[in-house]
Amino acid sequence: MGRRTLEELDATQLKLVYIAGNLPDAQAAEACLMEIGLDYAVNVEQFTTTSVLGGVYAGAFIYVPASRHQECRTRLEACGLTDTIDLPPETPETCDGA
């Protein structure tokens, strides 16, 4: 168990749980998730900040299975990584027919 690529895991069932903006945070998040024996994916992607300096940066985007998202979020926060990503509210399906 541990780090996998998005291709190795079913990417349709993964949800973003954390964006690490630096290497120490990425390593801490990985160590925290490995403690609970979870398969997760890390993908380097660009993000923008709304800080005074602003800009576009590269970060480690950490994806976990949707079914364990809340557990992982709680665990990361317990490890001191408090800038976690919440799942968006689910959109109810609509019916196009009569």
PDB file of N, CA and C in Angstrom:
ATOM      1  N   MET A   1       0.839  -1.177   0.000  1.00  0.00           N
ATOM      2  CA  MET A   1       0.000   0.000   0.000  1.00  0.00           C
ATOM      3  C   MET A   1       0.888   1.245   0.000  1.00  0.00           C
ATOM      4  N   GLY A   2       0.367   2.311  -0.555  1.00  0.00           N
ATOM      5  CA  GLY A   2       1.118   3.546  -0.561  1.00  0.00           C
ATOM      6  C   GLY A   2       0.890   4.313  -1.849  1.00  0.00           C
ATOM      7  N   ARG A   3       1.908   5.067  -2.245  1.00  0.00           N
ATOM      8  CA  ARG A   3       1.770   5.937  -3.402  1.00  0.00           C
ATOM      9  C   ARG A   3       1.614   5.135  -4.687  1.00  0.00           C
ATOM     10  N   ARG A   4       0.682   5.584  -5.501  1.00  0.00           N
ATOM     11  CA  ARG A   4       0.433   5.021  -6.817  1.00  0.00           C
ATOM     12  C   ARG A   4       0.291   6.189  -7.795  1.00  0.00           C
ATOM     13  N   THR A   5       0.264   5.875  -9.072  1.00  0.00           N
ATOM     14  CA  THR A   5      -0.006   6.918 -10.061  1.00  0.00           C
ATOM     15  C   THR A   5      -1.509   6.968 -10.307  1.00  0.00           C
ATOM     16  N   LEU A   6      -1.961   8.049 -10.897  1.00  0.00           N
ATOM     17  CA  LEU A   6      -3.380   8.156 -11.225  1.00  0.00           C
ATOM     18  C   LEU A   6      -3.794   7.033 -12.171  1.00  0.00           C
ATOM     19  N   GLU A   7      -2.867   6.628 -13.046  1.00  0.00           N
ATOM     20  CA  GLU A   7      -3.161   5.565 -13.997  1.00  0.00           C
ATOM     21  C   GLU A   7      -3.301   4.209 -13.306  1.00  0.00           C
ATOM     22  N   GLU A   8      -2.552   3.993 -12.235  1.00  0.00           N
ATOM     23  CA  GLU A   8      -2.614   2.718 -11.513  1.00  0.00           C
ATOM     24  C   GLU A   8      -3.909   2.562 -10.718  1.00  0.00           C
ATOM     25  N   LEU A   9      -4.453   3.667 -10.268  1.00  0.00           N
ATOM     26  CA  LEU A   9      -5.701   3.636  -9.506  1.00  0.00           C
ATOM     27  C   LEU A   9      -6.834   4.069 -10.421  1.00  0.00           C
ATOM     28  N   ASP A  10      -8.027   3.736 -10.061  1.00  0.00           N
ATOM     29  CA  ASP A  10      -9.190   4.136 -10.838  1.00  0.00           C
ATOM     30  C   ASP A  10      -9.434   5.622 -10.602  1.00  0.00           C
ATOM     31  N   ALA A  11      -8.914   6.455 -11.498  1.00  0.00           N
ATOM     32  CA  ALA A  11      -8.957   7.907 -11.314  1.00  0.00           C
ATOM     33  C   ALA A  11     -10.380   8.440 -11.162  1.00  0.00           C
ATOM     34  N   THR A  12     -11.369   7.723 -11.690  1.00  0.00           N
ATOM     35  CA  THR A  12     -12.745   8.206 -11.568  1.00  0.00           C
ATOM     36  C   THR A  12     -13.247   8.096 -10.140  1.00  0.00           C
ATOM     37  N   GLN A  13     -12.612   7.271  -9.319  1.00  0.00           N
ATOM     38  CA  GLN A  13     -13.035   7.082  -7.936  1.00  0.00           C
ATOM     39  C   GLN A  13     -12.147   7.839  -6.942  1.00  0.00           C
ATOM     40  N   LEU A  14     -11.235   8.669  -7.454  1.00  0.00           N
ATOM     41  CA  LEU A  14     -10.334   9.427  -6.581  1.00  0.00           C
ATOM     42  C   LEU A  14     -10.830  10.853  -6.421  1.00  0.00           C
ATOM     43  N   LYS A  15     -10.583  11.410  -5.241  1.00  0.00           N
ATOM     44  CA  LYS A  15     -10.942  12.802  -4.961  1.00  0.00           C
ATOM     45  C   LYS A  15      -9.742  13.509  -4.348  1.00  0.00           C
ATOM     46  N   LEU A  16      -9.579  14.768  -4.706  1.00  0.00           N
ATOM     47  CA  LEU A  16      -8.500  15.587  -4.164  1.00  0.00           C
ATOM     48  C   LEU A  16      -8.739  15.827  -2.685  1.00  0.00           C
ATOM     49  N   VAL A  17      -7.698  15.561  -1.876  1.00  0.00           N
ATOM     50  CA  VAL A  17      -7.835  15.765  -0.432  1.00  0.00           C
ATOM     51  C   VAL A  17      -6.846  16.814   0.091  1.00  0.00           C
ATOM     52  N   TYR A  18      -5.726  17.021  -0.623  1.00  0.00           N
ATOM     53  CA  TYR A  18      -4.702  17.936  -0.095  1.00  0.00           C
ATOM     54  C   TYR A  18      -3.813  18.428  -1.223  1.00  0.00           C
ATOM     55  N   ILE A  19      -3.394  19.684  -1.139  1.00  0.00           N
ATOM     56  CA  ILE A  19      -2.404  20.245  -2.063  1.00  0.00           C
ATOM     57  C   ILE A  19      -1.216  20.684  -1.231  1.00  0.00           C
ATOM     58  N   ALA A  20      -0.087  20.024  -1.442  1.00  0.00           N
ATOM     59  CA  ALA A  20       1.140  20.390  -0.729  1.00  0.00           C
ATOM     60  C   ALA A  20       1.914  21.390  -1.585  1.00  0.00           C
ATOM     61  N   GLY A  21       2.169  22.543  -1.024  1.00  0.00           N
ATOM     62  CA  GLY A  21       2.881  23.590  -1.753  1.00  0.00           C
ATOM     63  C   GLY A  21       4.387  23.499  -1.642  1.00  0.00           C
ATOM     64  N   ASN A  22       4.873  22.578  -0.809  1.00  0.00           N
ATOM     65  CA  ASN A  22       6.321  22.421  -0.668  1.00  0.00           C
ATOM     66  C   ASN A  22       6.634  20.956  -0.344  1.00  0.00           C
ATOM     67  N   LEU A  23       7.893  20.610  -0.490  1.00  0.00           N
ATOM     68  CA  LEU A  23       8.311  19.223  -0.304  1.00  0.00           C
ATOM     69  C   LEU A  23       8.090  18.707   1.115  1.00  0.00           C
ATOM     70  N   PRO A  24       8.422  19.456   2.168  1.00  0.00           N
ATOM     71  CA  PRO A  24       8.168  18.943   3.520  1.00  0.00           C
ATOM     72  C   PRO A  24       6.692  18.620   3.776  1.00  0.00           C
ATOM     73  N   ASP A  25       5.777  19.467   3.279  1.00  0.00           N
ATOM     74  CA  ASP A  25       4.356  19.185   3.457  1.00  0.00           C
ATOM     75  C   ASP A  25       3.933  17.952   2.672  1.00  0.00           C
ATOM     76  N   ALA A  26       4.457  17.791   1.472  1.00  0.00           N
ATOM     77  CA  ALA A  26       4.136  16.602   0.663  1.00  0.00           C
ATOM     78  C   ALA A  26       4.628  15.334   1.357  1.00  0.00           C
ATOM     79  N   GLN A  27       5.844  15.381   1.884  1.00  0.00           N
ATOM     80  CA  GLN A  27       6.393  14.221   2.586  1.00  0.00           C
ATOM     81  C   GLN A  27       5.598  13.918   3.856  1.00  0.00           C
ATOM     82  N   ALA A  28       5.198  14.953   4.573  1.00  0.00           N
ATOM     83  CA  ALA A  28       4.415  14.751   5.796  1.00  0.00           C
ATOM     84  C   ALA A  28       3.052  14.148   5.467  1.00  0.00           C
ATOM     85  N   ALA A  29       2.425  14.610   4.393  1.00  0.00           N
ATOM     86  CA  ALA A  29       1.122  14.068   4.000  1.00  0.00           C
ATOM     87  C   ALA A  29       1.254  12.604   3.599  1.00  0.00           C
ATOM     88  N   GLU A  30       2.293  12.280   2.848  1.00  0.00           N
ATOM     89  CA  GLU A  30       2.493  10.890   2.450  1.00  0.00           C
ATOM     90  C   GLU A  30       2.729   9.996   3.662  1.00  0.00           C
ATOM     91  N   ALA A  31       3.555  10.440   4.587  1.00  0.00           N
ATOM     92  CA  ALA A  31       3.832   9.648   5.797  1.00  0.00           C
ATOM     93  C   ALA A  31       2.554   9.435   6.592  1.00  0.00           C
ATOM     94  N   CYS A  32       1.744  10.474   6.683  1.00  0.00           N
ATOM     95  CA  CYS A  32       0.497  10.400   7.435  1.00  0.00           C
ATOM     96  C   CYS A  32      -0.461   9.384   6.809  1.00  0.00           C
ATOM     97  N   LEU A  33      -0.584   9.397   5.485  1.00  0.00           N
ATOM     98  CA  LEU A  33      -1.483   8.464   4.803  1.00  0.00           C
ATOM     99  C   LEU A  33      -0.940   7.038   4.811  1.00  0.00           C
ATOM    100  N   MET A  34       0.370   6.897   4.765  1.00  0.00           N
ATOM    101  CA  MET A  34       0.962   5.556   4.798  1.00  0.00           C
ATOM    102  C   MET A  34       0.737   4.895   6.153  1.00  0.00           C
ATOM    103  N   GLU A  35       0.638   5.686   7.218  1.00  0.00           N
ATOM    104  CA  GLU A  35       0.393   5.138   8.555  1.00  0.00           C
ATOM    105  C   GLU A  35      -0.941   4.405   8.646  1.00  0.00           C
ATOM    106  N   ILE A  36      -1.906   4.814   7.813  1.00  0.00           N
ATOM    107  CA  ILE A  36      -3.207   4.136   7.848  1.00  0.00           C
ATOM    108  C   ILE A  36      -3.332   3.106   6.722  1.00  0.00           C
ATOM    109  N   GLY A  37      -2.223   2.850   6.017  1.00  0.00           N
ATOM    110  CA  GLY A  37      -2.208   1.807   5.003  1.00  0.00           C
ATOM    111  C   GLY A  37      -3.099   2.077   3.817  1.00  0.00           C
ATOM    112  N   LEU A  38      -3.029   3.277   3.280  1.00  0.00           N
ATOM    113  CA  LEU A  38      -3.926   3.694   2.219  1.00  0.00           C
ATOM    114  C   LEU A  38      -3.190   3.832   0.891  1.00  0.00           C
ATOM    115  N   ASP A  39      -3.815   3.358  -0.180  1.00  0.00           N
ATOM    116  CA  ASP A  39      -3.319   3.664  -1.520  1.00  0.00           C
ATOM    117  C   ASP A  39      -3.797   5.062  -1.875  1.00  0.00           C
ATOM    118  N   TYR A  40      -2.897   5.883  -2.385  1.00  0.00           N
ATOM    119  CA  TYR A  40      -3.230   7.247  -2.767  1.00  0.00           C
ATOM    120  C   TYR A  40      -2.401   7.598  -3.994  1.00  0.00           C
ATOM    121  N   ALA A  41      -2.760   8.660  -4.675  1.00  0.00           N
ATOM    122  CA  ALA A  41      -2.019   9.103  -5.853  1.00  0.00           C
ATOM    123  C   ALA A  41      -1.518  10.516  -5.628  1.00  0.00           C
ATOM    124  N   VAL A  42      -0.320  10.785  -6.120  1.00  0.00           N
ATOM    125  CA  VAL A  42       0.258  12.119  -6.069  1.00  0.00           C
ATOM    126  C   VAL A  42       0.506  12.560  -7.504  1.00  0.00           C
ATOM    127  N   ASN A  43       0.060  13.760  -7.825  1.00  0.00           N
ATOM    128  CA  ASN A  43       0.247  14.293  -9.163  1.00  0.00           C
ATOM    129  C   ASN A  43       0.725  15.731  -9.031  1.00  0.00           C
ATOM    130  N   VAL A  44       1.807  16.087  -9.710  1.00  0.00           N
ATOM    131  CA  VAL A  44       2.300  17.465  -9.675  1.00  0.00           C
ATOM    132  C   VAL A  44       1.469  18.282 -10.652  1.00  0.00           C
ATOM    133  N   GLU A  45       0.840  19.320 -10.120  1.00  0.00           N
ATOM    134  CA  GLU A  45      -0.028  20.185 -10.915  1.00  0.00           C
ATOM    135  C   GLU A  45       0.221  21.634 -10.526  1.00  0.00           C
ATOM    136  N   GLN A  46      -0.243  22.550 -11.354  1.00  0.00           N
ATOM    137  CA  GLN A  46      -0.091  23.973 -11.056  1.00  0.00           C
ATOM    138  C   GLN A  46      -1.296  24.474 -10.269  1.00  0.00           C
ATOM    139  N   PHE A  47      -1.029  25.444  -9.380  1.00  0.00           N
ATOM    140  CA  PHE A  47      -2.101  26.105  -8.643  1.00  0.00           C
ATOM    141  C   PHE A  47      -1.742  27.572  -8.488  1.00  0.00           C
ATOM    142  N   THR A  48      -2.746  28.386  -8.249  1.00  0.00           N
ATOM    143  CA  THR A  48      -2.514  29.808  -8.031  1.00  0.00           C
ATOM    144  C   THR A  48      -2.841  30.132  -6.577  1.00  0.00           C
ATOM    145  N   THR A  49      -2.217  31.172  -6.080  1.00  0.00           N
ATOM    146  CA  THR A  49      -2.496  31.593  -4.710  1.00  0.00           C
ATOM    147  C   THR A  49      -3.147  32.971  -4.721  1.00  0.00           C
ATOM    148  N   THR A  50      -3.838  33.246  -3.649  1.00  0.00           N
ATOM    149  CA  THR A  50      -4.452  34.565  -3.497  1.00  0.00           C
ATOM    150  C   THR A  50      -3.685  35.392  -2.478  1.00  0.00           C
ATOM    151  N   SER A  51      -2.442  34.999  -2.219  1.00  0.00           N
ATOM    152  CA  SER A  51      -1.628  35.742  -1.262  1.00  0.00           C
ATOM    153  C   SER A  51      -1.196  37.074  -1.870  1.00  0.00           C
ATOM    154  N   VAL A  52      -0.530  37.876  -1.077  1.00  0.00           N
ATOM    155  CA  VAL A  52      -0.057  39.178  -1.528  1.00  0.00           C
ATOM    156  C   VAL A  52       0.865  39.025  -2.743  1.00  0.00           C
ATOM    157  N   LEU A  53       1.718  38.001  -2.728  1.00  0.00           N
ATOM    158  CA  LEU A  53       2.640  37.795  -3.833  1.00  0.00           C
ATOM    159  C   LEU A  53       1.964  37.148  -5.039  1.00  0.00           C
ATOM    160  N   GLY A  54       0.887  36.413  -4.812  1.00  0.00           N
ATOM    161  CA  GLY A  54       0.165  35.774  -5.903  1.00  0.00           C
ATOM    162  C   GLY A  54       1.062  34.848  -6.705  1.00  0.00           C
ATOM    163  N   GLY A  55       0.639  34.497  -7.887  1.00  0.00           N
ATOM    164  CA  GLY A  55       1.464  33.703  -8.782  1.00  0.00           C
ATOM    165  C   GLY A  55       0.961  32.295  -8.985  1.00  0.00           C
ATOM    166  N   VAL A  56       1.622  31.615  -9.905  1.00  0.00           N
ATOM    167  CA  VAL A  56       1.316  30.233 -10.233  1.00  0.00           C
ATOM    168  C   VAL A  56       2.478  29.378  -9.744  1.00  0.00           C
ATOM    169  N   TYR A  57       2.148  28.310  -9.035  1.00  0.00           N
ATOM    170  CA  TYR A  57       3.159  27.439  -8.439  1.00  0.00           C
ATOM    171  C   TYR A  57       2.853  25.983  -8.772  1.00  0.00           C
ATOM    172  N   ALA A  58       3.856  25.139  -8.626  1.00  0.00           N
ATOM    173  CA  ALA A  58       3.655  23.694  -8.755  1.00  0.00           C
ATOM    174  C   ALA A  58       3.459  23.123  -7.362  1.00  0.00           C
ATOM    175  N   GLY A  59       2.532  22.197  -7.252  1.00  0.00           N
ATOM    176  CA  GLY A  59       2.273  21.566  -5.968  1.00  0.00           C
ATOM    177  C   GLY A  59       2.003  20.091  -6.139  1.00  0.00           C
ATOM    178  N   ALA A  60       2.095  19.360  -5.041  1.00  0.00           N
ATOM    179  CA  ALA A  60       1.786  17.939  -5.046  1.00  0.00           C
ATOM    180  C   ALA A  60       0.311  17.794  -4.677  1.00  0.00           C
ATOM    181  N   PHE A  61      -0.507  17.417  -5.652  1.00  0.00           N
ATOM    182  CA  PHE A  61      -1.933  17.216  -5.439  1.00  0.00           C
ATOM    183  C   PHE A  61      -2.126  15.764  -5.013  1.00  0.00           C
ATOM    184  N   ILE A  62      -2.711  15.571  -3.857  1.00  0.00           N
ATOM    185  CA  ILE A  62      -2.850  14.223  -3.299  1.00  0.00           C
ATOM    186  C   ILE A  62      -4.316  13.797  -3.407  1.00  0.00           C
ATOM    187  N   TYR A  63      -4.497  12.667  -4.095  1.00  0.00           N
ATOM    188  CA  TYR A  63      -5.822  12.114  -4.341  1.00  0.00           C
ATOM    189  C   TYR A  63      -5.994  10.816  -3.561  1.00  0.00           C
ATOM    190  N   VAL A  64      -7.187  10.622  -3.024  1.00  0.00           N
ATOM    191  CA  VAL A  64      -7.497   9.418  -2.249  1.00  0.00           C
ATOM    192  C   VAL A  64      -8.822   8.843  -2.753  1.00  0.00           C
ATOM    193  N   PRO A  65      -9.098   7.571  -2.445  1.00  0.00           N
ATOM    194  CA  PRO A  65     -10.389   7.010  -2.826  1.00  0.00           C
ATOM    195  C   PRO A  65     -11.533   7.822  -2.210  1.00  0.00           C
ATOM    196  N   ALA A  66     -12.556   8.091  -3.015  1.00  0.00           N
ATOM    197  CA  ALA A  66     -13.688   8.891  -2.545  1.00  0.00           C
ATOM    198  C   ALA A  66     -14.317   8.294  -1.295  1.00  0.00           C
ATOM    199  N   SER A  67     -14.339   6.979  -1.219  1.00  0.00           N
ATOM    200  CA  SER A  67     -14.979   6.319  -0.073  1.00  0.00           C
ATOM    201  C   SER A  67     -14.223   6.539   1.237  1.00  0.00           C
ATOM    202  N   ARG A  68     -12.954   6.951   1.149  1.00  0.00           N
ATOM    203  CA  ARG A  68     -12.167   7.170   2.368  1.00  0.00           C
ATOM    204  C   ARG A  68     -11.717   8.623   2.515  1.00  0.00           C
ATOM    205  N   HIS A  69     -12.312   9.501   1.721  1.00  0.00           N
ATOM    206  CA  HIS A  69     -11.906  10.904   1.703  1.00  0.00           C
ATOM    207  C   HIS A  69     -11.983  11.552   3.080  1.00  0.00           C
ATOM    208  N   GLN A  70     -13.124  11.437   3.760  1.00  0.00           N
ATOM    209  CA  GLN A  70     -13.291  12.098   5.061  1.00  0.00           C
ATOM    210  C   GLN A  70     -12.318  11.532   6.090  1.00  0.00           C
ATOM    211  N   GLU A  71     -12.123  10.230   6.080  1.00  0.00           N
ATOM    212  CA  GLU A  71     -11.152   9.602   6.997  1.00  0.00           C
ATOM    213  C   GLU A  71      -9.752  10.168   6.757  1.00  0.00           C
ATOM    214  N   CYS A  72      -9.373  10.300   5.494  1.00  0.00           N
ATOM    215  CA  CYS A  72      -8.045  10.822   5.153  1.00  0.00           C
ATOM    216  C   CYS A  72      -7.916  12.289   5.533  1.00  0.00           C
ATOM    217  N   ARG A  73      -8.962  13.041   5.300  1.00  0.00           N
ATOM    218  CA  ARG A  73      -8.959  14.460   5.647  1.00  0.00           C
ATOM    219  C   ARG A  73      -8.782  14.638   7.156  1.00  0.00           C
ATOM    220  N   THR A  74      -9.511  13.869   7.926  1.00  0.00           N
ATOM    221  CA  THR A  74      -9.406  13.920   9.381  1.00  0.00           C
ATOM    222  C   THR A  74      -7.999  13.534   9.825  1.00  0.00           C
ATOM    223  N   ARG A  75      -7.445  12.506   9.206  1.00  0.00           N
ATOM    224  CA  ARG A  75      -6.098  12.034   9.564  1.00  0.00           C
ATOM    225  C   ARG A  75      -5.044  13.083   9.233  1.00  0.00           C
ATOM    226  N   LEU A  76      -5.140  13.697   8.054  1.00  0.00           N
ATOM    227  CA  LEU A  76      -4.179  14.733   7.678  1.00  0.00           C
ATOM    228  C   LEU A  76      -4.238  15.910   8.649  1.00  0.00           C
ATOM    229  N   GLU A  77      -5.442  16.292   9.027  1.00  0.00           N
ATOM    230  CA  GLU A  77      -5.596  17.399   9.972  1.00  0.00           C
ATOM    231  C   GLU A  77      -5.013  17.042  11.333  1.00  0.00           C
ATOM    232  N   ALA A  78      -5.154  15.779  11.745  1.00  0.00           N
ATOM    233  CA  ALA A  78      -4.576  15.324  13.009  1.00  0.00           C
ATOM    234  C   ALA A  78      -3.050  15.352  12.949  1.00  0.00           C
ATOM    235  N   CYS A  79      -2.497  15.223  11.751  1.00  0.00           N
ATOM    236  CA  CYS A  79      -1.043  15.278  11.553  1.00  0.00           C
ATOM    237  C   CYS A  79      -0.543  16.716  11.394  1.00  0.00           C
ATOM    238  N   GLY A  80      -1.446  17.692  11.553  1.00  0.00           N
ATOM    239  CA  GLY A  80      -1.055  19.094  11.477  1.00  0.00           C
ATOM    240  C   GLY A  80      -1.162  19.710  10.097  1.00  0.00           C
ATOM    241  N   LEU A  81      -1.702  18.971   9.128  1.00  0.00           N
ATOM    242  CA  LEU A  81      -1.861  19.474   7.763  1.00  0.00           C
ATOM    243  C   LEU A  81      -3.315  19.933   7.608  1.00  0.00           C
ATOM    244  N   THR A  82      -3.559  21.176   7.988  1.00  0.00           N
ATOM    245  CA  THR A  82      -4.935  21.650   8.143  1.00  0.00           C
ATOM    246  C   THR A  82      -5.553  22.234   6.880  1.00  0.00           C
ATOM    247  N   ASP A  83      -4.785  22.455   5.833  1.00  0.00           N
ATOM    248  CA  ASP A  83      -5.335  23.031   4.605  1.00  0.00           C
ATOM    249  C   ASP A  83      -5.841  21.937   3.673  1.00  0.00           C
ATOM    250  N   THR A  84      -6.738  21.113   4.174  1.00  0.00           N
ATOM    251  CA  THR A  84      -7.270  20.005   3.389  1.00  0.00           C
ATOM    252  C   THR A  84      -8.413  20.485   2.490  1.00  0.00           C
ATOM    253  N   ILE A  85      -8.768  19.650   1.539  1.00  0.00           N
ATOM    254  CA  ILE A  85      -9.823  19.970   0.588  1.00  0.00           C
ATOM    255  C   ILE A  85     -11.072  19.180   0.951  1.00  0.00           C
ATOM    256  N   ASP A  86     -12.173  19.883   1.131  1.00  0.00           N
ATOM    257  CA  ASP A  86     -13.445  19.233   1.433  1.00  0.00           C
ATOM    258  C   ASP A  86     -14.084  18.774   0.126  1.00  0.00           C
ATOM    259  N   LEU A  87     -14.878  17.734   0.198  1.00  0.00           N
ATOM    260  CA  LEU A  87     -15.619  17.295  -0.981  1.00  0.00           C
ATOM    261  C   LEU A  87     -16.714  18.308  -1.285  1.00  0.00           C
ATOM    262  N   PRO A  88     -16.927  18.603  -2.565  1.00  0.00           N
ATOM    263  CA  PRO A  88     -18.042  19.498  -2.883  1.00  0.00           C
ATOM    264  C   PRO A  88     -19.362  18.794  -2.605  1.00  0.00           C
ATOM    265  N   PRO A  89     -20.402  19.558  -2.287  1.00  0.00           N
ATOM    266  CA  PRO A  89     -21.694  18.912  -2.051  1.00  0.00           C
ATOM    267  C   PRO A  89     -22.145  18.196  -3.317  1.00  0.00           C
ATOM    268  N   GLU A  90     -22.762  17.053  -3.120  1.00  0.00           N
ATOM    269  CA  GLU A  90     -23.217  16.285  -4.279  1.00  0.00           C
ATOM    270  C   GLU A  90     -24.402  16.982  -4.929  1.00  0.00           C
ATOM    271  N   THR A  91     -24.375  16.994  -6.256  1.00  0.00           N
ATOM    272  CA  THR A  91     -25.462  17.595  -7.019  1.00  0.00           C
ATOM    273  C   THR A  91     -26.526  16.541  -7.264  1.00  0.00           C
ATOM    274  N   PRO A  92     -27.751  16.812  -6.894  1.00  0.00           N
ATOM    275  CA  PRO A  92     -28.791  15.812  -7.147  1.00  0.00           C
ATOM    276  C   PRO A  92     -28.996  15.623  -8.647  1.00  0.00           C
ATOM    277  N   GLU A  93     -29.251  14.387  -9.032  1.00  0.00           N
ATOM    278  CA  GLU A  93     -29.492  14.114 -10.435  1.00  0.00           C
ATOM    279  C   GLU A  93     -30.858  14.639 -10.810  1.00  0.00           C
ATOM    280  N   THR A  94     -30.935  15.147 -12.030  1.00  0.00           N
ATOM    281  CA  THR A  94     -32.212  15.669 -12.522  1.00  0.00           C
ATOM    282  C   THR A  94     -32.771  14.738 -13.573  1.00  0.00           C
ATOM    283  N   CYS A  95     -34.047  14.812 -13.759  1.00  0.00           N
ATOM    284  CA  CYS A  95     -34.735  13.981 -14.740  1.00  0.00           C
ATOM    285  C   CYS A  95     -35.117  14.838 -15.923  1.00  0.00           C
ATOM    286  N   ASP A  96     -34.753  14.412 -17.136  1.00  0.00           N
ATOM    287  CA  ASP A  96     -35.074  15.170 -18.333  1.00  0.00           C
ATOM    288  C   ASP A  96     -36.448  14.822 -18.899  1.00  0.00           C
ATOM    289  N   GLY A  97     -37.003  13.720 -18.447  1.00  0.00           N
ATOM    290  CA  GLY A  97     -38.243  13.234 -19.032  1.00  0.00           C
ATOM    291  C   GLY A  97     -39.478  13.776 -18.338  1.00  0.00           C
ATOM    292  N   ALA A  98     -40.617  13.259 -18.776  1.00  0.00           N
ATOM    293  CA  ALA A  98     -41.891  13.691 -18.205  1.00  0.00           C
ATOM    294  C   ALA A  98     -42.170  13.024 -16.894  1.00  0.00           C
TER     295      ALA A  98
END
